[in-house]
Amino acid sequence: MTLDEADKIIAELNICYPNKNLLVEEVVRWEENLSMYDYDDARIAVKHIENTSKYWPSWAEFREAIHPMYQQRLREIERARQALEPPREISEEERARSKEIIKQLNKRWNR
């Protein structure tokens, strides 16, 4: 998220909770914390907090609201990265070990 987007998120929260007077240090801290997240995810988190909280959220509360979306994005990025990687060659040793494991499992199942 860019600095301007982080400021928009902070402004949205301030609209939801107008009684909160932010110090400059608080704004800077929120901007830093928000920088690692996606803007659209943060907007969804703001909406969730607006619907569930009476007061300006602590950072921990905000993080709790946005973190599941962040984790999902990381999983999607990892899947995309893996899809781009060429398949790894399996060594003869790994192939033999796999066959042995399958053989042992078949013995157990066929008892």
PDB file of N, CA and C in Angstrom:
ATOM      1  N   MET A   1       0.842  -1.168   0.000  1.00  0.00           N
ATOM      2  CA  MET A   1       0.000   0.000   0.000  1.00  0.00           C
ATOM      3  C   MET A   1       0.894   1.240   0.000  1.00  0.00           C
ATOM      4  N   THR A   2       0.495   2.215  -0.770  1.00  0.00           N
ATOM      5  CA  THR A   2       1.255   3.456  -0.822  1.00  0.00           C
ATOM      6  C   THR A   2       0.926   4.315   0.401  1.00  0.00           C
ATOM      7  N   LEU A   3       1.714   5.349   0.595  1.00  0.00           N
ATOM      8  CA  LEU A   3       1.488   6.271   1.699  1.00  0.00           C
ATOM      9  C   LEU A   3       0.145   6.984   1.541  1.00  0.00           C
ATOM     10  N   ASP A   4      -0.182   7.381   0.313  1.00  0.00           N
ATOM     11  CA  ASP A   4      -1.476   8.031   0.065  1.00  0.00           C
ATOM     12  C   ASP A   4      -2.641   7.094   0.373  1.00  0.00           C
ATOM     13  N   GLU A   5      -2.511   5.825  -0.008  1.00  0.00           N
ATOM     14  CA  GLU A   5      -3.571   4.845   0.286  1.00  0.00           C
ATOM     15  C   GLU A   5      -3.700   4.625   1.788  1.00  0.00           C
ATOM     16  N   ALA A   6      -2.565   4.565   2.478  1.00  0.00           N
ATOM     17  CA  ALA A   6      -2.605   4.409   3.940  1.00  0.00           C
ATOM     18  C   ALA A   6      -3.320   5.593   4.568  1.00  0.00           C
ATOM     19  N   ASP A   7      -3.050   6.791   4.071  1.00  0.00           N
ATOM     20  CA  ASP A   7      -3.726   7.981   4.595  1.00  0.00           C
ATOM     21  C   ASP A   7      -5.229   7.933   4.334  1.00  0.00           C
ATOM     22  N   LYS A   8      -5.635   7.370   3.192  1.00  0.00           N
ATOM     23  CA  LYS A   8      -7.067   7.211   2.906  1.00  0.00           C
ATOM     24  C   LYS A   8      -7.713   6.242   3.901  1.00  0.00           C
ATOM     25  N   ILE A   9      -7.005   5.170   4.242  1.00  0.00           N
ATOM     26  CA  ILE A   9      -7.537   4.207   5.221  1.00  0.00           C
ATOM     27  C   ILE A   9      -7.689   4.875   6.578  1.00  0.00           C
ATOM     28  N   ILE A  10      -6.687   5.626   6.978  1.00  0.00           N
ATOM     29  CA  ILE A  10      -6.746   6.340   8.258  1.00  0.00           C
ATOM     30  C   ILE A  10      -7.897   7.342   8.237  1.00  0.00           C
ATOM     31  N   ALA A  11      -8.085   8.023   7.106  1.00  0.00           N
ATOM     32  CA  ALA A  11      -9.190   8.976   6.976  1.00  0.00           C
ATOM     33  C   ALA A  11     -10.542   8.262   7.074  1.00  0.00           C
ATOM     34  N   GLU A  12     -10.655   7.089   6.444  1.00  0.00           N
ATOM     35  CA  GLU A  12     -11.900   6.318   6.538  1.00  0.00           C
ATOM     36  C   GLU A  12     -12.200   5.952   7.990  1.00  0.00           C
ATOM     37  N   LEU A  13     -11.167   5.498   8.705  1.00  0.00           N
ATOM     38  CA  LEU A  13     -11.364   5.180  10.114  1.00  0.00           C
ATOM     39  C   LEU A  13     -11.774   6.423  10.900  1.00  0.00           C
ATOM     40  N   ASN A  14     -11.184   7.554  10.563  1.00  0.00           N
ATOM     41  CA  ASN A  14     -11.500   8.794  11.271  1.00  0.00           C
ATOM     42  C   ASN A  14     -12.936   9.229  11.009  1.00  0.00           C
ATOM     43  N   ILE A  15     -13.451   8.938   9.810  1.00  0.00           N
ATOM     44  CA  ILE A  15     -14.855   9.223   9.520  1.00  0.00           C
ATOM     45  C   ILE A  15     -15.755   8.337  10.373  1.00  0.00           C
ATOM     46  N   CYS A  16     -15.366   7.069  10.524  1.00  0.00           N
ATOM     47  CA  CYS A  16     -16.157   6.125  11.323  1.00  0.00           C
ATOM     48  C   CYS A  16     -16.112   6.463  12.815  1.00  0.00           C
ATOM     49  N   TYR A  17     -14.991   7.007  13.246  1.00  0.00           N
ATOM     50  CA  TYR A  17     -14.782   7.288  14.672  1.00  0.00           C
ATOM     51  C   TYR A  17     -14.294   8.732  14.830  1.00  0.00           C
ATOM     52  N   PRO A  18     -15.199   9.709  14.643  1.00  0.00           N
ATOM     53  CA  PRO A  18     -14.783  11.113  14.640  1.00  0.00           C
ATOM     54  C   PRO A  18     -14.300  11.640  15.993  1.00  0.00           C
ATOM     55  N   ASN A  19     -14.587  10.944  17.063  1.00  0.00           N
ATOM     56  CA  ASN A  19     -14.154  11.410  18.378  1.00  0.00           C
ATOM     57  C   ASN A  19     -12.686  11.121  18.663  1.00  0.00           C
ATOM     58  N   LYS A  20     -12.040  10.357  17.816  1.00  0.00           N
ATOM     59  CA  LYS A  20     -10.627  10.014  18.010  1.00  0.00           C
ATOM     60  C   LYS A  20      -9.765  11.141  17.457  1.00  0.00           C
ATOM     61  N   ASN A  21      -8.989  11.751  18.329  1.00  0.00           N
ATOM     62  CA  ASN A  21      -8.028  12.777  17.904  1.00  0.00           C
ATOM     63  C   ASN A  21      -6.671  12.115  17.753  1.00  0.00           C
ATOM     64  N   LEU A  22      -6.211  12.022  16.517  1.00  0.00           N
ATOM     65  CA  LEU A  22      -4.949  11.344  16.235  1.00  0.00           C
ATOM     66  C   LEU A  22      -3.763  12.276  16.410  1.00  0.00           C
ATOM     67  N   LEU A  23      -2.747  11.760  17.065  1.00  0.00           N
ATOM     68  CA  LEU A  23      -1.476  12.466  17.152  1.00  0.00           C
ATOM     69  C   LEU A  23      -0.681  12.163  15.887  1.00  0.00           C
ATOM     70  N   VAL A  24       0.233  13.032  15.534  1.00  0.00           N
ATOM     71  CA  VAL A  24       1.079  12.824  14.360  1.00  0.00           C
ATOM     72  C   VAL A  24       1.799  11.485  14.466  1.00  0.00           C
ATOM     73  N   GLU A  25       2.293  11.165  15.651  1.00  0.00           N
ATOM     74  CA  GLU A  25       3.016   9.903  15.859  1.00  0.00           C
ATOM     75  C   GLU A  25       2.125   8.690  15.583  1.00  0.00           C
ATOM     76  N   GLU A  26       0.848   8.803  15.948  1.00  0.00           N
ATOM     77  CA  GLU A  26      -0.087   7.701  15.688  1.00  0.00           C
ATOM     78  C   GLU A  26      -0.303   7.519  14.182  1.00  0.00           C
ATOM     79  N   VAL A  27      -0.459   8.614  13.472  1.00  0.00           N
ATOM     80  CA  VAL A  27      -0.655   8.542  12.018  1.00  0.00           C
ATOM     81  C   VAL A  27       0.558   7.898  11.364  1.00  0.00           C
ATOM     82  N   VAL A  28       1.755   8.322  11.771  1.00  0.00           N
ATOM     83  CA  VAL A  28       2.980   7.760  11.201  1.00  0.00           C
ATOM     84  C   VAL A  28       3.053   6.267  11.483  1.00  0.00           C
ATOM     85  N   ARG A  29       2.710   5.876  12.686  1.00  0.00           N
ATOM     86  CA  ARG A  29       2.750   4.447  13.047  1.00  0.00           C
ATOM     87  C   ARG A  29       1.747   3.653  12.223  1.00  0.00           C
ATOM     88  N   TRP A  30       0.523   4.156  12.054  1.00  0.00           N
ATOM     89  CA  TRP A  30      -0.471   3.476  11.238  1.00  0.00           C
ATOM     90  C   TRP A  30      -0.012   3.389   9.779  1.00  0.00           C
ATOM     91  N   GLU A  31       0.576   4.464   9.269  1.00  0.00           N
ATOM     92  CA  GLU A  31       1.076   4.435   7.894  1.00  0.00           C
ATOM     93  C   GLU A  31       2.130   3.343   7.724  1.00  0.00           C
ATOM     94  N   GLU A  32       3.043   3.254   8.679  1.00  0.00           N
ATOM     95  CA  GLU A  32       4.081   2.217   8.619  1.00  0.00           C
ATOM     96  C   GLU A  32       3.478   0.828   8.676  1.00  0.00           C
ATOM     97  N   ASN A  33       2.548   0.629   9.593  1.00  0.00           N
ATOM     98  CA  ASN A  33       1.935  -0.687   9.758  1.00  0.00           C
ATOM     99  C   ASN A  33       1.099  -1.084   8.539  1.00  0.00           C
ATOM    100  N   LEU A  34       0.428  -0.123   7.961  1.00  0.00           N
ATOM    101  CA  LEU A  34      -0.424  -0.423   6.809  1.00  0.00           C
ATOM    102  C   LEU A  34       0.368  -0.710   5.538  1.00  0.00           C
ATOM    103  N   SER A  35       1.611  -0.257   5.473  1.00  0.00           N
ATOM    104  CA  SER A  35       2.383  -0.335   4.231  1.00  0.00           C
ATOM    105  C   SER A  35       2.530  -1.750   3.685  1.00  0.00           C
ATOM    106  N   MET A  36       2.477  -2.761   4.531  1.00  0.00           N
ATOM    107  CA  MET A  36       2.665  -4.138   4.058  1.00  0.00           C
ATOM    108  C   MET A  36       1.383  -4.776   3.525  1.00  0.00           C
ATOM    109  N   TYR A  37       0.256  -4.101   3.689  1.00  0.00           N
ATOM    110  CA  TYR A  37      -1.026  -4.680   3.302  1.00  0.00           C
ATOM    111  C   TYR A  37      -1.549  -4.103   1.992  1.00  0.00           C
ATOM    112  N   ASP A  38      -2.505  -4.798   1.416  1.00  0.00           N
ATOM    113  CA  ASP A  38      -3.161  -4.379   0.194  1.00  0.00           C
ATOM    114  C   ASP A  38      -4.268  -3.370   0.535  1.00  0.00           C
ATOM    115  N   TYR A  39      -4.367  -2.325  -0.259  1.00  0.00           N
ATOM    116  CA  TYR A  39      -5.346  -1.266  -0.015  1.00  0.00           C
ATOM    117  C   TYR A  39      -6.780  -1.802   0.022  1.00  0.00           C
ATOM    118  N   ASP A  40      -7.146  -2.628  -0.952  1.00  0.00           N
ATOM    119  CA  ASP A  40      -8.518  -3.154  -0.998  1.00  0.00           C
ATOM    120  C   ASP A  40      -8.826  -4.018   0.217  1.00  0.00           C
ATOM    121  N   ASP A  41      -7.858  -4.788   0.660  1.00  0.00           N
ATOM    122  CA  ASP A  41      -8.052  -5.593   1.870  1.00  0.00           C
ATOM    123  C   ASP A  41      -8.265  -4.689   3.078  1.00  0.00           C
ATOM    124  N   ALA A  42      -7.510  -3.602   3.138  1.00  0.00           N
ATOM    125  CA  ALA A  42      -7.640  -2.670   4.266  1.00  0.00           C
ATOM    126  C   ALA A  42      -9.016  -2.011   4.268  1.00  0.00           C
ATOM    127  N   ARG A  43      -9.536  -1.708   3.095  1.00  0.00           N
ATOM    128  CA  ARG A  43     -10.888  -1.110   3.028  1.00  0.00           C
ATOM    129  C   ARG A  43     -11.937  -2.095   3.546  1.00  0.00           C
ATOM    130  N   ILE A  44     -11.774  -3.365   3.220  1.00  0.00           N
ATOM    131  CA  ILE A  44     -12.695  -4.394   3.727  1.00  0.00           C
ATOM    132  C   ILE A  44     -12.574  -4.489   5.247  1.00  0.00           C
ATOM    133  N   ALA A  45     -11.353  -4.426   5.746  1.00  0.00           N
ATOM    134  CA  ALA A  45     -11.129  -4.484   7.198  1.00  0.00           C
ATOM    135  C   ALA A  45     -11.774  -3.287   7.886  1.00  0.00           C
ATOM    136  N   VAL A  46     -11.669  -2.110   7.293  1.00  0.00           N
ATOM    137  CA  VAL A  46     -12.307  -0.919   7.869  1.00  0.00           C
ATOM    138  C   VAL A  46     -13.812  -1.130   7.954  1.00  0.00           C
ATOM    139  N   LYS A  47     -14.396  -1.656   6.895  1.00  0.00           N
ATOM    140  CA  LYS A  47     -15.851  -1.899   6.886  1.00  0.00           C
ATOM    141  C   LYS A  47     -16.235  -2.891   7.980  1.00  0.00           C
ATOM    142  N   HIS A  48     -15.437  -3.946   8.126  1.00  0.00           N
ATOM    143  CA  HIS A  48     -15.700  -4.942   9.176  1.00  0.00           C
ATOM    144  C   HIS A  48     -15.639  -4.285  10.562  1.00  0.00           C
ATOM    145  N   ILE A  49     -14.611  -3.501  10.787  1.00  0.00           N
ATOM    146  CA  ILE A  49     -14.454  -2.843  12.097  1.00  0.00           C
ATOM    147  C   ILE A  49     -15.575  -1.853  12.338  1.00  0.00           C
ATOM    148  N   GLU A  50     -15.942  -1.114  11.308  1.00  0.00           N
ATOM    149  CA  GLU A  50     -17.046  -0.155  11.435  1.00  0.00           C
ATOM    150  C   GLU A  50     -18.333  -0.863  11.865  1.00  0.00           C
ATOM    151  N   ASN A  51     -18.537  -2.074  11.367  1.00  0.00           N
ATOM    152  CA  ASN A  51     -19.754  -2.826  11.681  1.00  0.00           C
ATOM    153  C   ASN A  51     -19.692  -3.564  13.009  1.00  0.00           C
ATOM    154  N   THR A  52     -18.504  -3.703  13.585  1.00  0.00           N
ATOM    155  CA  THR A  52     -18.391  -4.538  14.788  1.00  0.00           C
ATOM    156  C   THR A  52     -17.817  -3.825  16.010  1.00  0.00           C
ATOM    157  N   SER A  53     -17.299  -2.619  15.849  1.00  0.00           N
ATOM    158  CA  SER A  53     -16.638  -1.961  16.973  1.00  0.00           C
ATOM    159  C   SER A  53     -17.213  -0.572  17.214  1.00  0.00           C
ATOM    160  N   LYS A  54     -17.349  -0.219  18.477  1.00  0.00           N
ATOM    161  CA  LYS A  54     -17.854   1.101  18.843  1.00  0.00           C
ATOM    162  C   LYS A  54     -16.752   2.149  18.868  1.00  0.00           C
ATOM    163  N   TYR A  55     -15.506   1.696  18.960  1.00  0.00           N
ATOM    164  CA  TYR A  55     -14.385   2.612  19.160  1.00  0.00           C
ATOM    165  C   TYR A  55     -13.299   2.395  18.117  1.00  0.00           C
ATOM    166  N   TRP A  56     -12.475   3.424  17.952  1.00  0.00           N
ATOM    167  CA  TRP A  56     -11.305   3.336  17.070  1.00  0.00           C
ATOM    168  C   TRP A  56     -10.540   2.074  17.438  1.00  0.00           C
ATOM    169  N   PRO A  57     -10.164   1.266  16.460  1.00  0.00           N
ATOM    170  CA  PRO A  57      -9.509  -0.011  16.790  1.00  0.00           C
ATOM    171  C   PRO A  57      -8.050   0.177  17.210  1.00  0.00           C
ATOM    172  N   SER A  58      -7.608  -0.727  18.044  1.00  0.00           N
ATOM    173  CA  SER A  58      -6.167  -0.807  18.287  1.00  0.00           C
ATOM    174  C   SER A  58      -5.562  -1.397  17.019  1.00  0.00           C
ATOM    175  N   TRP A  59      -4.240  -1.297  16.887  1.00  0.00           N
ATOM    176  CA  TRP A  59      -3.601  -1.915  15.722  1.00  0.00           C
ATOM    177  C   TRP A  59      -3.858  -3.419  15.725  1.00  0.00           C
ATOM    178  N   ALA A  60      -3.834  -4.036  16.897  1.00  0.00           N
ATOM    179  CA  ALA A  60      -4.057  -5.486  16.992  1.00  0.00           C
ATOM    180  C   ALA A  60      -5.450  -5.850  16.459  1.00  0.00           C
ATOM    181  N   GLU A  61      -6.442  -5.039  16.769  1.00  0.00           N
ATOM    182  CA  GLU A  61      -7.797  -5.310  16.269  1.00  0.00           C
ATOM    183  C   GLU A  61      -7.853  -5.160  14.749  1.00  0.00           C
ATOM    184  N   PHE A  62      -7.199  -4.128  14.233  1.00  0.00           N
ATOM    185  CA  PHE A  62      -7.188  -3.941  12.788  1.00  0.00           C
ATOM    186  C   PHE A  62      -6.460  -5.083  12.103  1.00  0.00           C
ATOM    187  N   ARG A  63      -5.328  -5.450  12.659  1.00  0.00           N
ATOM    188  CA  ARG A  63      -4.536  -6.549  12.093  1.00  0.00           C
ATOM    189  C   ARG A  63      -5.346  -7.849  12.093  1.00  0.00           C
ATOM    190  N   GLU A  64      -6.091  -8.073  13.144  1.00  0.00           N
ATOM    191  CA  GLU A  64      -6.934  -9.275  13.221  1.00  0.00           C
ATOM    192  C   GLU A  64      -7.978  -9.276  12.103  1.00  0.00           C
ATOM    193  N   ALA A  65      -8.478  -8.102  11.756  1.00  0.00           N
ATOM    194  CA  ALA A  65      -9.490  -8.003  10.700  1.00  0.00           C
ATOM    195  C   ALA A  65      -8.889  -8.189   9.307  1.00  0.00           C
ATOM    196  N   ILE A  66      -7.664  -7.735   9.104  1.00  0.00           N
ATOM    197  CA  ILE A  66      -7.064  -7.782   7.769  1.00  0.00           C
ATOM    198  C   ILE A  66      -6.206  -9.022   7.535  1.00  0.00           C
ATOM    199  N   HIS A  67      -5.722  -9.627   8.593  1.00  0.00           N
ATOM    200  CA  HIS A  67      -4.745 -10.702   8.462  1.00  0.00           C
ATOM    201  C   HIS A  67      -5.235 -11.907   7.641  1.00  0.00           C
ATOM    202  N   PRO A  68      -6.478 -12.365   7.791  1.00  0.00           N
ATOM    203  CA  PRO A  68      -6.919 -13.505   6.955  1.00  0.00           C
ATOM    204  C   PRO A  68      -6.812 -13.206   5.456  1.00  0.00           C
ATOM    205  N   MET A  69      -7.128 -11.983   5.061  1.00  0.00           N
ATOM    206  CA  MET A  69      -7.024 -11.621   3.642  1.00  0.00           C
ATOM    207  C   MET A  69      -5.563 -11.577   3.211  1.00  0.00           C
ATOM    208  N   TYR A  70      -4.707 -11.095   4.091  1.00  0.00           N
ATOM    209  CA  TYR A  70      -3.264 -11.051   3.828  1.00  0.00           C
ATOM    210  C   TYR A  70      -2.712 -12.454   3.635  1.00  0.00           C
ATOM    211  N   GLN A  71      -3.098 -13.376   4.511  1.00  0.00           N
ATOM    212  CA  GLN A  71      -2.639 -14.762   4.402  1.00  0.00           C
ATOM    213  C   GLN A  71      -3.115 -15.391   3.098  1.00  0.00           C
ATOM    214  N   GLN A  72      -4.357 -15.099   2.711  1.00  0.00           N
ATOM    215  CA  GLN A  72      -4.893 -15.630   1.454  1.00  0.00           C
ATOM    216  C   GLN A  72      -4.090 -15.113   0.268  1.00  0.00           C
ATOM    217  N   ARG A  73      -3.736 -13.839   0.279  1.00  0.00           N
ATOM    218  CA  ARG A  73      -2.923 -13.271  -0.809  1.00  0.00           C
ATOM    219  C   ARG A  73      -1.555 -13.950  -0.870  1.00  0.00           C
ATOM    220  N   LEU A  74      -0.956 -14.205   0.297  1.00  0.00           N
ATOM    221  CA  LEU A  74       0.342 -14.891   0.319  1.00  0.00           C
ATOM    222  C   LEU A  74       0.231 -16.289  -0.285  1.00  0.00           C
ATOM    223  N   ARG A  75      -0.856 -17.008   0.050  1.00  0.00           N
ATOM    224  CA  ARG A  75      -1.056 -18.344  -0.517  1.00  0.00           C
ATOM    225  C   ARG A  75      -1.215 -18.274  -2.035  1.00  0.00           C
ATOM    226  N   GLU A  76      -1.960 -17.291  -2.516  1.00  0.00           N
ATOM    227  CA  GLU A  76      -2.157 -17.136  -3.955  1.00  0.00           C
ATOM    228  C   GLU A  76      -0.841 -16.821  -4.657  1.00  0.00           C
ATOM    229  N   ILE A  77      -0.036 -15.977  -4.056  1.00  0.00           N
ATOM    230  CA  ILE A  77       1.268 -15.639  -4.635  1.00  0.00           C
ATOM    231  C   ILE A  77       2.162 -16.871  -4.677  1.00  0.00           C
ATOM    232  N   GLU A  78       2.156 -17.647  -3.596  1.00  0.00           N
ATOM    233  CA  GLU A  78       2.983 -18.859  -3.549  1.00  0.00           C
ATOM    234  C   GLU A  78       2.533 -19.872  -4.600  1.00  0.00           C
ATOM    235  N   ARG A  79       1.219 -20.052  -4.770  1.00  0.00           N
ATOM    236  CA  ARG A  79       0.719 -20.973  -5.799  1.00  0.00           C
ATOM    237  C   ARG A  79       1.135 -20.503  -7.189  1.00  0.00           C
ATOM    238  N   ALA A  80       1.044 -19.208  -7.433  1.00  0.00           N
ATOM    239  CA  ALA A  80       1.436 -18.674  -8.735  1.00  0.00           C
ATOM    240  C   ALA A  80       2.935 -18.868  -8.966  1.00  0.00           C
ATOM    241  N   ARG A  81       3.730 -18.646  -7.928  1.00  0.00           N
ATOM    242  CA  ARG A  81       5.181 -18.833  -8.040  1.00  0.00           C
ATOM    243  C   ARG A  81       5.510 -20.281  -8.353  1.00  0.00           C
ATOM    244  N   GLN A  82       4.847 -21.201  -7.652  1.00  0.00           N
ATOM    245  CA  GLN A  82       5.101 -22.621  -7.876  1.00  0.00           C
ATOM    246  C   GLN A  82       4.682 -23.047  -9.279  1.00  0.00           C
ATOM    247  N   ALA A  83       3.608 -22.444  -9.781  1.00  0.00           N
ATOM    248  CA  ALA A  83       3.145 -22.787 -11.124  1.00  0.00           C
ATOM    249  C   ALA A  83       4.157 -22.377 -12.184  1.00  0.00           C
ATOM    250  N   LEU A  84       4.954 -21.363 -11.892  1.00  0.00           N
ATOM    251  CA  LEU A  84       5.953 -20.884 -12.846  1.00  0.00           C
ATOM    252  C   LEU A  84       7.262 -21.657 -12.782  1.00  0.00           C
ATOM    253  N   GLU A  85       7.484 -22.370 -11.676  1.00  0.00           N
ATOM    254  CA  GLU A  85       8.729 -23.132 -11.519  1.00  0.00           C
ATOM    255  C   GLU A  85       8.699 -24.401 -12.358  1.00  0.00           C
ATOM    256  N   PRO A  86       9.817 -24.730 -12.988  1.00  0.00           N
ATOM    257  CA  PRO A  86       9.847 -26.012 -13.706  1.00  0.00           C
ATOM    258  C   PRO A  86       9.819 -27.160 -12.699  1.00  0.00           C
ATOM    259  N   PRO A  87       9.230 -28.284 -13.088  1.00  0.00           N
ATOM    260  CA  PRO A  87       9.176 -29.411 -12.144  1.00  0.00           C
ATOM    261  C   PRO A  87      10.582 -29.886 -11.778  1.00  0.00           C
ATOM    262  N   ARG A  88      10.726 -30.296 -10.543  1.00  0.00           N
ATOM    263  CA  ARG A  88      12.014 -30.765 -10.041  1.00  0.00           C
ATOM    264  C   ARG A  88      12.202 -32.224 -10.429  1.00  0.00           C
ATOM    265  N   GLU A  89      13.404 -32.576 -10.820  1.00  0.00           N
ATOM    266  CA  GLU A  89      13.716 -33.960 -11.162  1.00  0.00           C
ATOM    267  C   GLU A  89      13.783 -34.797  -9.880  1.00  0.00           C
ATOM    268  N   ILE A  90      13.213 -35.980  -9.932  1.00  0.00           N
ATOM    269  CA  ILE A  90      13.231 -36.887  -8.783  1.00  0.00           C
ATOM    270  C   ILE A  90      14.418 -37.828  -8.948  1.00  0.00           C
ATOM    271  N   SER A  91      15.194 -37.936  -7.896  1.00  0.00           N
ATOM    272  CA  SER A  91      16.371 -38.809  -7.967  1.00  0.00           C
ATOM    273  C   SER A  91      15.940 -40.266  -7.883  1.00  0.00           C
ATOM    274  N   GLU A  92      16.820 -41.151  -8.298  1.00  0.00           N
ATOM    275  CA  GLU A  92      16.545 -42.588  -8.219  1.00  0.00           C
ATOM    276  C   GLU A  92      16.343 -43.008  -6.764  1.00  0.00           C
ATOM    277  N   GLU A  93      17.095 -42.405  -5.868  1.00  0.00           N
ATOM    278  CA  GLU A  93      16.965 -42.717  -4.439  1.00  0.00           C
ATOM    279  C   GLU A  93      15.573 -42.338  -3.929  1.00  0.00           C
ATOM    280  N   GLU A  94      15.088 -41.155  -4.312  1.00  0.00           N
ATOM    281  CA  GLU A  94      13.746 -40.734  -3.905  1.00  0.00           C
ATOM    282  C   GLU A  94      12.680 -41.640  -4.513  1.00  0.00           C
ATOM    283  N   ARG A  95      12.879 -42.020  -5.761  1.00  0.00           N
ATOM    284  CA  ARG A  95      11.930 -42.894  -6.444  1.00  0.00           C
ATOM    285  C   ARG A  95      11.859 -44.256  -5.739  1.00  0.00           C
ATOM    286  N   ALA A  96      13.029 -44.816  -5.373  1.00  0.00           N
ATOM    287  CA  ALA A  96      13.074 -46.108  -4.681  1.00  0.00           C
ATOM    288  C   ALA A  96      12.424 -45.997  -3.297  1.00  0.00           C
ATOM    289  N   ARG A  97      12.685 -44.906  -2.605  1.00  0.00           N
ATOM    290  CA  ARG A  97      12.094 -44.703  -1.266  1.00  0.00           C
ATOM    291  C   ARG A  97      10.572 -44.615  -1.365  1.00  0.00           C
ATOM    292  N   SER A  98      10.073 -43.893  -2.361  1.00  0.00           N
ATOM    293  CA  SER A  98       8.627 -43.782  -2.559  1.00  0.00           C
ATOM    294  C   SER A  98       7.998 -45.141  -2.843  1.00  0.00           C
ATOM    295  N   LYS A  99       8.652 -45.930  -3.691  1.00  0.00           N
ATOM    296  CA  LYS A  99       8.137 -47.261  -3.995  1.00  0.00           C
ATOM    297  C   LYS A  99       8.089 -48.123  -2.744  1.00  0.00           C
ATOM    298  N   GLU A 100       9.103 -48.027  -1.906  1.00  0.00           N
ATOM    299  CA  GLU A 100       9.144 -48.804  -0.665  1.00  0.00           C
ATOM    300  C   GLU A 100       8.016 -48.392   0.282  1.00  0.00           C
ATOM    301  N   ILE A 101       7.767 -47.113   0.385  1.00  0.00           N
ATOM    302  CA  ILE A 101       6.678 -46.622   1.251  1.00  0.00           C
ATOM    303  C   ILE A 101       5.339 -47.127   0.727  1.00  0.00           C
ATOM    304  N   ILE A 102       5.125 -47.059  -0.569  1.00  0.00           N
ATOM    305  CA  ILE A 102       3.874 -47.543  -1.161  1.00  0.00           C
ATOM    306  C   ILE A 102       3.716 -49.037  -0.918  1.00  0.00           C
ATOM    307  N   LYS A 103       4.798 -49.770  -1.073  1.00  0.00           N
ATOM    308  CA  LYS A 103       4.782 -51.216  -0.842  1.00  0.00           C
ATOM    309  C   LYS A 103       4.374 -51.523   0.598  1.00  0.00           C
ATOM    310  N   GLN A 104       4.952 -50.799   1.563  1.00  0.00           N
ATOM    311  CA  GLN A 104       4.628 -51.006   2.986  1.00  0.00           C
ATOM    312  C   GLN A 104       3.173 -50.650   3.276  1.00  0.00           C
ATOM    313  N   LEU A 105       2.697 -49.575   2.688  1.00  0.00           N
ATOM    314  CA  LEU A 105       1.295 -49.186   2.887  1.00  0.00           C
ATOM    315  C   LEU A 105       0.352 -50.234   2.312  1.00  0.00           C
ATOM    316  N   ASN A 106       0.672 -50.752   1.143  1.00  0.00           N
ATOM    317  CA  ASN A 106      -0.158 -51.791   0.535  1.00  0.00           C
ATOM    318  C   ASN A 106      -0.211 -53.044   1.402  1.00  0.00           C
ATOM    319  N   LYS A 107       0.911 -53.402   2.011  1.00  0.00           N
ATOM    320  CA  LYS A 107       0.935 -54.561   2.910  1.00  0.00           C
ATOM    321  C   LYS A 107      -0.011 -54.357   4.078  1.00  0.00           C
ATOM    322  N   ARG A 108       0.017 -53.131   4.645  1.00  0.00           N
ATOM    323  CA  ARG A 108      -0.857 -52.831   5.801  1.00  0.00           C
ATOM    324  C   ARG A 108      -2.316 -52.892   5.406  1.00  0.00           C
ATOM    325  N   TRP A 109      -2.654 -52.337   4.263  1.00  0.00           N
ATOM    326  CA  TRP A 109      -4.035 -52.260   3.834  1.00  0.00           C
ATOM    327  C   TRP A 109      -4.577 -53.628   3.419  1.00  0.00           C
ATOM    328  N   ASN A 110      -3.734 -54.507   2.952  1.00  0.00           N
ATOM    329  CA  ASN A 110      -4.159 -55.798   2.438  1.00  0.00           C
ATOM    330  C   ASN A 110      -4.136 -56.897   3.492  1.00  0.00           C
ATOM    331  N   ARG A 111      -3.922 -56.544   4.708  1.00  0.00           N
ATOM    332  CA  ARG A 111      -3.892 -57.568   5.767  1.00  0.00           C
ATOM    333  C   ARG A 111      -5.210 -58.222   5.957  1.00  0.00           C
TER     334      ARG A 111
END
